[in-house]
């Protein structure tokens, strides 16, 4: 019984290697996620969800190596949560860092004109844009003064002042 208990806390590599692995994987995945676009969890398609699950599986061995101890997993969890907290604090204190991590809002449409090159650059199909527009209560593009892809991945629609919604 004590052999099984000992294996829970017996590390196959030094504790600092877990921390180093977690830092490297976190930074690389963070940069890759930042480069691939803006979607919120609520907007994940089945394909996006599959990528997230596979991504977790793909980096698992990079994080844990050959270790399967409880202590190794706890060190990794504490490191990842600490990194996440640090990134949040740095984002709150540095506008430049926040822009790098979160990005900046992107104008997708103005005065009823859709900027298709921006949709393409942001990996948003015209169909997804139309679905978001309708979900926000806009039947036509002519009702929209501005459509902005926020840093959260949400699309904000601002109605035209001279359009049908101005009378409401």
Protein backbone atom coordinates (compact mmCIF):
# COMPACT_ATOMS: atom_id res chain seq x y z
CA UNK A 1 0.00 0.00 0.00
CA UNK A 2 2.81 2.41 0.83
CA UNK A 3 4.38 1.72 -2.59
CA UNK A 4 1.26 2.99 -4.34
CA UNK A 5 1.12 6.00 -2.03
CA UNK A 6 4.80 6.78 -2.64
CA UNK A 7 4.31 6.66 -6.42
CA UNK A 8 1.72 9.44 -6.14
CA UNK A 9 4.41 11.83 -4.94
CA UNK A 10 7.50 10.45 -6.66
CA UNK A 11 8.49 12.70 -9.57
CA UNK A 12 10.25 11.35 -12.66
CA UNK A 13 12.00 14.71 -13.22
CA UNK A 14 12.88 17.73 -11.06
CA UNK A 15 9.97 19.99 -10.01
CA UNK A 16 11.41 22.95 -11.91
CA UNK A 17 11.23 21.02 -15.18
CA UNK A 18 7.45 20.76 -14.74
CA UNK A 19 7.32 24.52 -14.25
CA UNK A 20 9.55 25.16 -17.27
CA UNK A 21 7.51 22.82 -19.47
CA UNK A 22 4.27 24.47 -18.37
CA UNK A 23 5.62 27.97 -19.05
CA UNK A 24 6.89 27.07 -22.53
CA UNK A 25 3.71 25.22 -23.55
CA UNK A 26 1.48 27.98 -22.12
CA UNK A 27 3.33 30.75 -23.96
CA UNK A 28 3.47 28.88 -27.28
CA UNK A 29 -0.20 27.85 -27.16
CA UNK A 30 -1.21 31.38 -26.09
CA UNK A 31 0.63 32.91 -29.05
CA UNK A 32 -0.80 30.32 -31.45
CA UNK A 33 -4.33 30.89 -30.14
CA UNK A 34 -3.86 34.64 -30.49
CA UNK A 35 -2.70 34.24 -34.09
CA UNK A 36 -5.62 32.02 -35.08
CA UNK A 37 -8.50 34.39 -34.37
CA UNK A 38 -11.19 35.52 -32.01
CA UNK A 39 -14.00 33.26 -30.93
CA UNK A 40 -15.64 33.03 -27.57
CA UNK A 41 -16.44 29.69 -26.00
CA UNK A 42 -20.14 30.25 -26.74
CA UNK A 43 -19.34 30.61 -30.43
CA UNK A 44 -17.34 27.41 -30.78
CA UNK A 45 -18.44 25.26 -33.67
CA UNK A 46 -18.13 21.47 -33.36
CA UNK A 47 -14.90 21.80 -35.37
CA UNK A 48 -13.53 24.40 -32.93
CA UNK A 49 -14.42 22.19 -29.97
CA UNK A 50 -12.66 19.26 -31.61
CA UNK A 51 -9.53 21.40 -32.10
CA UNK A 52 -9.57 22.43 -28.42
CA UNK A 53 -9.87 18.82 -27.25
CA UNK A 54 -7.14 17.64 -29.63
CA UNK A 55 -4.93 20.57 -28.65
CA UNK A 56 -5.16 19.54 -25.01
CA UNK A 57 -4.25 16.00 -25.93
CA UNK A 58 -1.42 17.15 -28.22
CA UNK A 59 0.34 19.17 -25.55
CA UNK A 60 -0.22 16.68 -22.74
CA UNK A 61 3.06 14.84 -23.25
CA UNK A 62 4.92 18.12 -23.65
CA UNK A 63 3.68 19.11 -20.22
CA UNK A 64 3.94 15.90 -18.26
CA UNK A 65 6.65 13.94 -20.08
CA UNK A 66 6.90 10.44 -18.66
CA UNK A 67 5.59 11.44 -15.24
CA UNK A 68 2.22 10.19 -14.04
CA UNK A 69 2.42 11.24 -10.40
CA UNK A 70 -0.18 13.23 -8.56
CA UNK A 71 2.45 15.73 -7.46
CA UNK A 72 3.57 16.33 -11.07
CA UNK A 73 0.00 17.07 -12.14
CA UNK A 74 -0.49 19.40 -9.19
CA UNK A 75 2.72 21.29 -10.01
CA UNK A 76 1.52 21.69 -13.61
CA UNK A 77 -1.94 22.83 -12.54
CA UNK A 78 -0.52 25.38 -10.10
CA UNK A 79 1.92 26.68 -12.74
CA UNK A 80 -0.76 27.02 -15.43
CA UNK A 81 -3.17 28.76 -13.05
CA UNK A 82 -0.37 31.05 -11.88
CA UNK A 83 0.54 31.91 -15.47
CA UNK A 84 -3.09 32.63 -16.27
CA UNK A 85 -3.32 34.94 -13.27
CA UNK A 86 -0.06 36.66 -14.23
CA UNK A 87 -1.27 37.23 -17.80
CA UNK A 88 -4.50 38.70 -16.44
CA UNK A 89 -2.61 41.08 -14.15
CA UNK A 90 -0.17 42.11 -16.86
CA UNK A 91 -3.06 42.75 -19.25
CA UNK A 92 -4.75 44.93 -16.65
CA UNK A 93 -1.60 47.00 -16.10
CA UNK A 94 -0.16 47.23 -19.60
CA UNK A 95 -2.20 48.42 -22.57
CA UNK A 96 0.46 47.17 -24.97
CA UNK A 97 0.52 43.70 -23.44
CA UNK A 98 -3.29 43.63 -23.39
CA UNK A 99 -3.41 44.46 -27.11
CA UNK A 100 -0.97 41.65 -27.81
CA UNK A 101 -2.95 39.13 -25.77
CA UNK A 102 -6.50 40.28 -26.52
CA UNK A 103 -6.06 42.05 -29.85
CA UNK A 104 -8.04 45.11 -30.90
CA UNK A 105 -11.62 45.47 -32.11
CA UNK A 106 -12.02 45.16 -35.88
CA UNK A 107 -14.64 46.96 -37.98
CA UNK A 108 -16.46 44.42 -40.15
CA UNK A 109 -19.11 46.67 -41.69
CA UNK A 110 -19.96 50.36 -41.87
CA UNK A 111 -23.14 52.04 -43.17
CA UNK A 112 -24.45 48.78 -44.57
CA UNK A 113 -21.24 47.87 -46.41
CA UNK A 114 -19.55 44.64 -45.34
CA UNK A 115 -15.76 44.62 -45.45
CA UNK A 116 -15.29 41.15 -46.90
CA UNK A 117 -11.50 41.33 -46.68
CA UNK A 118 -11.84 41.84 -42.92
CA UNK A 119 -14.24 38.91 -42.66
CA UNK A 120 -11.68 36.76 -44.47
CA UNK A 121 -8.78 38.07 -42.36
CA UNK A 122 -10.75 37.30 -39.18
CA UNK A 123 -11.88 33.87 -40.46
CA UNK A 124 -15.58 34.77 -40.35
CA UNK A 125 -17.73 33.47 -43.17
CA UNK A 126 -20.38 35.71 -44.69
CA UNK A 127 -22.93 33.17 -43.48
CA UNK A 128 -21.66 33.44 -39.87
CA UNK A 129 -21.79 37.24 -40.14
CA UNK A 130 -25.37 37.09 -41.46
CA UNK A 131 -26.39 34.73 -38.64
CA UNK A 132 -24.90 37.09 -36.04
CA UNK A 133 -26.64 40.06 -37.69
CA UNK A 134 -30.02 38.34 -37.66
CA UNK A 135 -29.51 37.14 -34.08
CA UNK A 136 -28.92 40.78 -33.10
CA UNK A 137 -32.26 41.68 -34.69
CA UNK A 138 -31.13 43.23 -37.97
CA UNK A 139 -32.95 41.92 -41.01
CA UNK A 140 -30.84 43.83 -43.54
CA UNK A 141 -27.39 45.36 -43.79
CA UNK A 142 -28.94 48.77 -44.47
CA UNK A 143 -30.02 48.91 -40.80
CA UNK A 144 -26.40 48.77 -39.59
CA UNK A 145 -24.19 51.79 -39.03
CA UNK A 146 -21.30 49.76 -37.67
CA UNK A 147 -20.45 46.11 -37.02
CA UNK A 148 -17.43 45.48 -34.81
CA UNK A 149 -15.68 42.24 -33.99
CA UNK A 150 -14.82 42.74 -30.33
CA UNK A 151 -11.72 41.32 -28.69
CA UNK A 152 -13.98 38.77 -26.97
CA UNK A 153 -15.02 37.36 -30.36
CA UNK A 154 -18.54 38.81 -30.13
CA UNK A 155 -19.86 40.95 -32.98
CA UNK A 156 -21.44 44.22 -31.86
CA UNK A 157 -23.95 45.91 -34.16
CA UNK A 158 -24.72 49.61 -33.91
CA UNK A 159 -27.91 50.72 -35.70
CA UNK A 160 -28.01 53.50 -38.27
CA UNK A 161 -29.40 56.71 -36.84
CA UNK A 162 -31.29 57.45 -40.02
CA UNK A 163 -32.45 53.86 -40.48
CA UNK A 164 -35.58 52.00 -39.40
CA UNK A 165 -34.38 51.61 -35.79
CA UNK A 166 -33.90 55.35 -35.31
CA UNK A 167 -37.66 55.75 -34.92
CA UNK A 168 -37.83 53.17 -32.09
